[in-house]
Amino acid sequence: MSTPHPQPDASRVYRRYLSAILLHAHASARACGLGATDLYALNVLELAGSMTPGELGTRVGLTTGPTTRLVDRLEQAGYVRRVPSSDDRRKVIVEPVGRPAELDHVMADARRRIGELLGGYSPEQRATLFDYFTRAAEAYQDTAEDLRAGGGTAG
């Protein structure tokens, strides 16, 4: 009689996956001379589009001073620019400047590998995965907003 294979601890498997994503993000940022928060801010801008420094700071989780330094670093590196708001001359908008070629180069291998991995799934399996990614992203974003607003509980 064969011994059944133990089931992996789902929580550990998922935490290992998230840790690998964070590790890759930090390594990618370093390879481009950026900090992890800088890379995260660029991703926020690419996904959400141009926004005020205050909106960017809120989304990234920074206060005013660190947000100003973040935008300064990204502007000096040529990744973003500050432009006047079209509807309020007192406002400044941070907008991405193209796609960072160095970052695309650094991330190309991981993107290729993940693409190959996803290509091994059937269309139905990919639909399930993308549904999960969409719903999990919403859950994480909602709970992050709750935590920022003081609605989270410790322990």
Protein backbone atom coordinates (compact mmCIF):
# COMPACT_ATOMS: atom_id res chain seq x y z
CA MET A 1 0.00 0.00 0.00
CA SER A 2 1.45 3.37 -0.97
CA THR A 3 1.70 6.22 1.47
CA PRO A 4 -0.31 9.27 0.43
CA HIS A 5 1.77 12.34 -0.39
CA PRO A 6 1.39 15.05 2.21
CA GLN A 7 -0.44 18.11 0.94
CA PRO A 8 1.65 21.27 0.97
CA ASP A 9 0.65 23.91 3.48
CA ALA A 10 -1.26 26.34 1.25
CA SER A 11 -0.33 29.33 3.38
CA ARG A 12 3.40 28.55 3.16
CA VAL A 13 3.22 27.97 -0.59
CA TYR A 14 1.42 31.28 -1.10
CA ARG A 15 3.76 33.20 1.23
CA ARG A 16 6.75 31.73 -0.62
CA TYR A 17 5.23 32.94 -3.90
CA LEU A 18 4.66 36.47 -2.55
CA SER A 19 8.18 36.54 -1.08
CA ALA A 20 9.65 35.56 -4.45
CA ILE A 21 7.75 38.41 -6.13
CA LEU A 22 9.03 40.90 -3.55
CA LEU A 23 12.58 39.56 -3.83
CA HIS A 24 12.46 39.94 -7.61
CA ALA A 25 11.06 43.47 -7.36
CA HIS A 26 13.84 44.51 -4.97
CA ALA A 27 16.53 42.90 -7.16
CA SER A 28 15.09 44.51 -10.30
CA ALA A 29 14.98 47.93 -8.65
CA ARG A 30 18.59 47.59 -7.46
CA ALA A 31 19.72 46.49 -10.93
CA CYS A 32 18.30 49.76 -12.30
CA GLY A 33 19.73 51.91 -9.53
CA LEU A 34 16.29 52.40 -7.98
CA GLY A 35 14.84 51.72 -4.57
CA ALA A 36 11.94 49.31 -4.16
CA THR A 37 9.56 52.21 -3.46
CA ASP A 38 10.76 53.97 -6.62
CA LEU A 39 9.95 50.90 -8.69
CA TYR A 40 6.58 50.54 -6.98
CA ALA A 41 5.77 54.19 -7.73
CA LEU A 42 6.65 53.72 -11.40
CA ASN A 43 4.34 50.71 -11.52
CA VAL A 44 1.53 52.72 -9.90
CA LEU A 45 1.99 55.48 -12.48
CA GLU A 46 2.08 53.03 -15.38
CA LEU A 47 -1.10 51.29 -14.21
CA ALA A 48 -3.11 54.31 -13.03
CA GLY A 49 -1.71 57.09 -15.17
CA SER A 50 -0.54 60.57 -14.26
CA MET A 51 -1.50 61.97 -10.86
CA THR A 52 -0.61 64.62 -8.33
CA PRO A 53 2.34 63.98 -6.02
CA GLY A 54 -0.15 63.75 -3.15
CA GLU A 55 -2.13 61.01 -4.89
CA LEU A 56 1.08 59.15 -5.70
CA GLY A 57 2.26 59.45 -2.10
CA THR A 58 -1.04 58.11 -0.81
CA ARG A 59 -0.97 55.15 -3.18
CA VAL A 60 2.63 54.35 -2.35
CA GLY A 61 2.17 54.97 1.37
CA LEU A 62 4.45 57.97 1.83
CA THR A 63 4.03 61.32 3.54
CA THR A 64 4.68 64.64 1.79
CA GLY A 65 8.45 64.95 2.36
CA PRO A 66 9.40 61.43 1.24
CA THR A 67 7.03 61.75 -1.73
CA THR A 68 8.80 64.92 -2.87
CA ARG A 69 12.17 63.15 -2.64
CA LEU A 70 10.74 60.13 -4.51
CA VAL A 71 9.47 62.30 -7.37
CA ASP A 72 12.80 64.20 -7.40
CA ARG A 73 14.74 60.91 -7.76
CA LEU A 74 12.45 59.61 -10.51
CA GLU A 75 12.58 62.93 -12.35
CA GLN A 76 16.39 63.11 -12.12
CA ALA A 77 16.60 59.54 -13.45
CA GLY A 78 14.39 60.52 -16.39
CA TYR A 79 11.44 58.25 -15.50
CA VAL A 80 8.86 60.99 -14.75
CA ARG A 81 8.30 64.68 -15.23
CA ARG A 82 6.29 67.28 -13.38
CA VAL A 83 3.79 69.17 -15.52
CA PRO A 84 1.25 71.85 -14.61
CA SER A 85 -2.31 70.63 -14.20
CA SER A 86 -4.56 71.61 -17.09
CA ASP A 87 -7.46 72.42 -14.78
CA ASP A 88 -5.63 74.13 -11.88
CA ARG A 89 -2.40 76.08 -12.45
CA ARG A 90 -1.46 75.66 -8.78
CA LYS A 91 -1.38 71.86 -9.11
CA VAL A 92 1.47 69.78 -10.42
CA ILE A 93 0.97 66.43 -12.11
CA VAL A 94 3.55 63.64 -12.13
CA GLU A 95 3.52 61.79 -15.41
CA PRO A 96 5.63 58.86 -16.58
CA VAL A 97 8.06 59.53 -19.41
CA GLY A 98 7.77 56.57 -21.75
CA ARG A 99 8.71 53.10 -20.61
CA PRO A 100 12.03 52.75 -18.82
CA ALA A 101 14.12 50.73 -21.28
CA GLU A 102 16.60 49.65 -18.57
CA LEU A 103 13.79 48.33 -16.42
CA ASP A 104 12.25 46.49 -19.37
CA HIS A 105 15.65 44.90 -20.03
CA VAL A 106 16.10 43.88 -16.37
CA MET A 107 12.62 42.35 -16.17
CA ALA A 108 12.64 40.67 -19.60
CA ASP A 109 13.82 37.25 -18.38
CA ALA A 110 11.21 37.01 -15.64
CA ARG A 111 8.47 38.20 -18.01
CA ARG A 112 9.53 35.60 -20.57
CA ARG A 113 9.59 32.81 -17.98
CA ILE A 114 6.20 33.75 -16.55
CA GLY A 115 4.80 33.98 -20.09
CA GLU A 116 6.07 30.47 -20.82
CA LEU A 117 4.62 29.22 -17.54
CA LEU A 118 1.21 30.73 -18.30
CA GLY A 119 1.38 29.34 -21.83
CA GLY A 120 1.43 25.85 -20.33
CA TYR A 121 -2.07 26.30 -18.93
CA SER A 122 -5.27 25.76 -20.87
CA PRO A 123 -7.37 28.82 -21.75
CA GLU A 124 -9.83 27.82 -19.02
CA GLN A 125 -7.06 27.53 -16.43
CA ARG A 126 -5.64 30.90 -17.48
CA ALA A 127 -9.10 32.45 -17.13
CA THR A 128 -9.27 31.10 -13.58
CA LEU A 129 -5.79 32.40 -12.79
CA PHE A 130 -6.57 35.86 -14.19
CA ASP A 131 -9.85 35.93 -12.29
CA TYR A 132 -7.93 35.12 -9.12
CA PHE A 133 -5.26 37.78 -9.84
CA THR A 134 -7.96 40.41 -10.40
CA ARG A 135 -9.96 39.53 -7.30
CA ALA A 136 -6.91 39.08 -5.08
CA ALA A 137 -5.50 42.45 -6.18
CA GLU A 138 -8.80 44.10 -5.23
CA ALA A 139 -8.79 42.36 -1.84
CA TYR A 140 -5.21 43.43 -1.12
CA GLN A 141 -5.88 47.01 -2.27
CA ASP A 142 -9.05 47.27 -0.18
CA THR A 143 -7.38 45.93 2.96
CA ALA A 144 -4.34 48.16 2.42
CA GLU A 145 -6.66 51.17 2.26
CA ASP A 146 -8.39 49.98 5.44
CA LEU A 147 -5.02 49.66 7.19
CA ARG A 148 -3.94 53.13 6.05
CA ALA A 149 -7.23 54.55 7.32
CA GLY A 150 -6.66 52.92 10.71
CA GLY A 151 -9.33 50.26 10.20
CA GLY A 152 -6.97 47.31 10.55
CA THR A 153 -6.39 45.49 13.78
CA ALA A 154 -3.15 44.11 15.12
CA GLY A 155 -2.66 40.63 16.22
